[in-house]
Amino acid sequence: MSMRNPTPSRRRALILDSIHPRDYRELTVIHYCEQCSHFAPATKSCTIGYEADKHMKAAQERNYELTGKVAFCRFCEID
């Protein structure tokens, strides 16, 4: 008999939010790790343990160019 977890944990999909092109171009919108106080530049990681690679500036700019959306860090809403 297998002792498997009946409810396997799944990673939640990255939530992408639309930003109007004018707002993206003209406003200072905090949306990538390098802008955050919880980002450790030396290790390129989040000091509170979040996955930083999908929220880094290069990834966010690429996402915006392809989809018109970015992945806001939900923790920044309360930072």
C-alpha atoms as a PDB file:
ATOM      1  CA  MET A   1       0.000   0.000   0.000  1.00  0.00           C
ATOM      2  CA  SER A   2       1.387   3.378  -1.007  1.00  0.00           C
ATOM      3  CA  MET A   3       1.615   6.176   1.531  1.00  0.00           C
ATOM      4  CA  ARG A   4       1.025   8.906  -1.051  1.00  0.00           C
ATOM      5  CA  ASN A   5      -0.405  12.227  -0.053  1.00  0.00           C
ATOM      6  CA  PRO A   6      -4.086  12.183  -1.139  1.00  0.00           C
ATOM      7  CA  THR A   7      -3.933  15.867  -2.091  1.00  0.00           C
ATOM      8  CA  PRO A   8      -0.641  16.509  -3.868  1.00  0.00           C
ATOM      9  CA  SER A   9       0.650  20.047  -3.536  1.00  0.00           C
ATOM     10  CA  ARG A  10       0.578  22.028  -6.738  1.00  0.00           C
ATOM     11  CA  ARG A  11       2.364  25.221  -7.465  1.00  0.00           C
ATOM     12  CA  ARG A  12      -0.048  27.980  -8.241  1.00  0.00           C
ATOM     13  CA  ALA A  13       0.202  29.480 -11.694  1.00  0.00           C
ATOM     14  CA  LEU A  14       1.801  32.885 -11.991  1.00  0.00           C
ATOM     15  CA  ILE A  15      -0.873  35.597 -11.907  1.00  0.00           C
ATOM     16  CA  LEU A  16      -0.367  38.188 -14.622  1.00  0.00           C
ATOM     17  CA  ASP A  17      -1.988  41.618 -14.476  1.00  0.00           C
ATOM     18  CA  SER A  18      -2.614  43.942 -17.410  1.00  0.00           C
ATOM     19  CA  ILE A  19      -1.099  47.402 -17.407  1.00  0.00           C
ATOM     20  CA  HIS A  20      -2.175  50.085 -19.857  1.00  0.00           C
ATOM     21  CA  PRO A  21       0.784  50.984 -22.111  1.00  0.00           C
ATOM     22  CA  ARG A  22       0.615  54.658 -21.095  1.00  0.00           C
ATOM     23  CA  ASP A  23       0.772  53.716 -17.403  1.00  0.00           C
ATOM     24  CA  TYR A  24       3.642  51.285 -18.012  1.00  0.00           C
ATOM     25  CA  ARG A  25       5.571  53.954 -19.903  1.00  0.00           C
ATOM     26  CA  GLU A  26       4.841  57.008 -17.727  1.00  0.00           C
ATOM     27  CA  LEU A  27       4.297  55.787 -14.164  1.00  0.00           C
ATOM     28  CA  THR A  28       6.808  54.312 -11.749  1.00  0.00           C
ATOM     29  CA  VAL A  29       5.095  51.004 -11.133  1.00  0.00           C
ATOM     30  CA  ILE A  30       6.908  48.748  -8.655  1.00  0.00           C
ATOM     31  CA  HIS A  31       6.680  45.369 -10.363  1.00  0.00           C
ATOM     32  CA  TYR A  32      10.105  43.743 -10.494  1.00  0.00           C
ATOM     33  CA  CYS A  33      12.408  42.377  -7.816  1.00  0.00           C
ATOM     34  CA  GLU A  34      15.241  44.827  -8.303  1.00  0.00           C
ATOM     35  CA  GLN A  35      12.876  47.595  -7.090  1.00  0.00           C
ATOM     36  CA  CYS A  36      11.921  45.783  -3.887  1.00  0.00           C
ATOM     37  CA  SER A  37      13.402  46.194  -0.415  1.00  0.00           C
ATOM     38  CA  HIS A  38      13.279  42.394   0.014  1.00  0.00           C
ATOM     39  CA  PHE A  39      15.615  41.725  -2.931  1.00  0.00           C
ATOM     40  CA  ALA A  40      19.197  40.673  -2.231  1.00  0.00           C
ATOM     41  CA  PRO A  41      21.256  41.792  -5.257  1.00  0.00           C
ATOM     42  CA  ALA A  42      24.309  39.734  -4.279  1.00  0.00           C
ATOM     43  CA  THR A  43      22.388  36.451  -4.496  1.00  0.00           C
ATOM     44  CA  LYS A  44      19.636  37.656  -6.851  1.00  0.00           C
ATOM     45  CA  SER A  45      17.057  36.256  -4.482  1.00  0.00           C
ATOM     46  CA  CYS A  46      14.124  37.293  -2.345  1.00  0.00           C
ATOM     47  CA  THR A  47      15.021  37.632   1.336  1.00  0.00           C
ATOM     48  CA  ILE A  48      11.582  36.399   2.399  1.00  0.00           C
ATOM     49  CA  GLY A  49      11.770  33.280   0.264  1.00  0.00           C
ATOM     50  CA  TYR A  50       9.697  34.018  -2.809  1.00  0.00           C
ATOM     51  CA  GLU A  51      10.824  32.790  -6.220  1.00  0.00           C
ATOM     52  CA  ALA A  52      12.563  35.771  -7.809  1.00  0.00           C
ATOM     53  CA  ASP A  53      13.401  34.562 -11.320  1.00  0.00           C
ATOM     54  CA  LYS A  54       9.962  35.282 -12.834  1.00  0.00           C
ATOM     55  CA  HIS A  55       9.805  38.721 -11.203  1.00  0.00           C
ATOM     56  CA  MET A  56      13.221  39.998 -12.292  1.00  0.00           C
ATOM     57  CA  LYS A  57      13.318  43.063 -14.557  1.00  0.00           C
ATOM     58  CA  ALA A  58      14.379  41.218 -17.731  1.00  0.00           C
ATOM     59  CA  ALA A  59      11.649  38.589 -17.319  1.00  0.00           C
ATOM     60  CA  GLN A  60       8.993  41.207 -16.545  1.00  0.00           C
ATOM     61  CA  GLU A  61       9.921  43.336 -19.576  1.00  0.00           C
ATOM     62  CA  ARG A  62       9.869  40.275 -21.836  1.00  0.00           C
ATOM     63  CA  ASN A  63       6.458  39.285 -20.429  1.00  0.00           C
ATOM     64  CA  TYR A  64       5.084  42.780 -20.987  1.00  0.00           C
ATOM     65  CA  GLU A  65       6.343  42.955 -24.569  1.00  0.00           C
ATOM     66  CA  LEU A  66       4.736  39.594 -25.379  1.00  0.00           C
ATOM     67  CA  THR A  67       1.470  39.838 -23.446  1.00  0.00           C
ATOM     68  CA  GLY A  68       0.937  43.378 -22.117  1.00  0.00           C
ATOM     69  CA  LYS A  69       0.941  41.906 -18.611  1.00  0.00           C
ATOM     70  CA  VAL A  70       3.314  41.697 -15.651  1.00  0.00           C
ATOM     71  CA  ALA A  71       3.469  39.522 -12.551  1.00  0.00           C
ATOM     72  CA  PHE A  72       3.084  41.759  -9.532  1.00  0.00           C
ATOM     73  CA  CYS A  73       4.521  40.435  -6.311  1.00  0.00           C
ATOM     74  CA  ARG A  74       1.532  40.120  -3.996  1.00  0.00           C
ATOM     75  CA  PHE A  75       3.747  40.857  -1.008  1.00  0.00           C
ATOM     76  CA  CYS A  76       4.558  44.327  -2.380  1.00  0.00           C
ATOM     77  CA  GLU A  77       0.912  45.237  -1.828  1.00  0.00           C
ATOM     78  CA  ILE A  78       1.563  45.176   1.929  1.00  0.00           C
ATOM     79  CA  ASP A  79       5.238  46.188   1.914  1.00  0.00           C
END
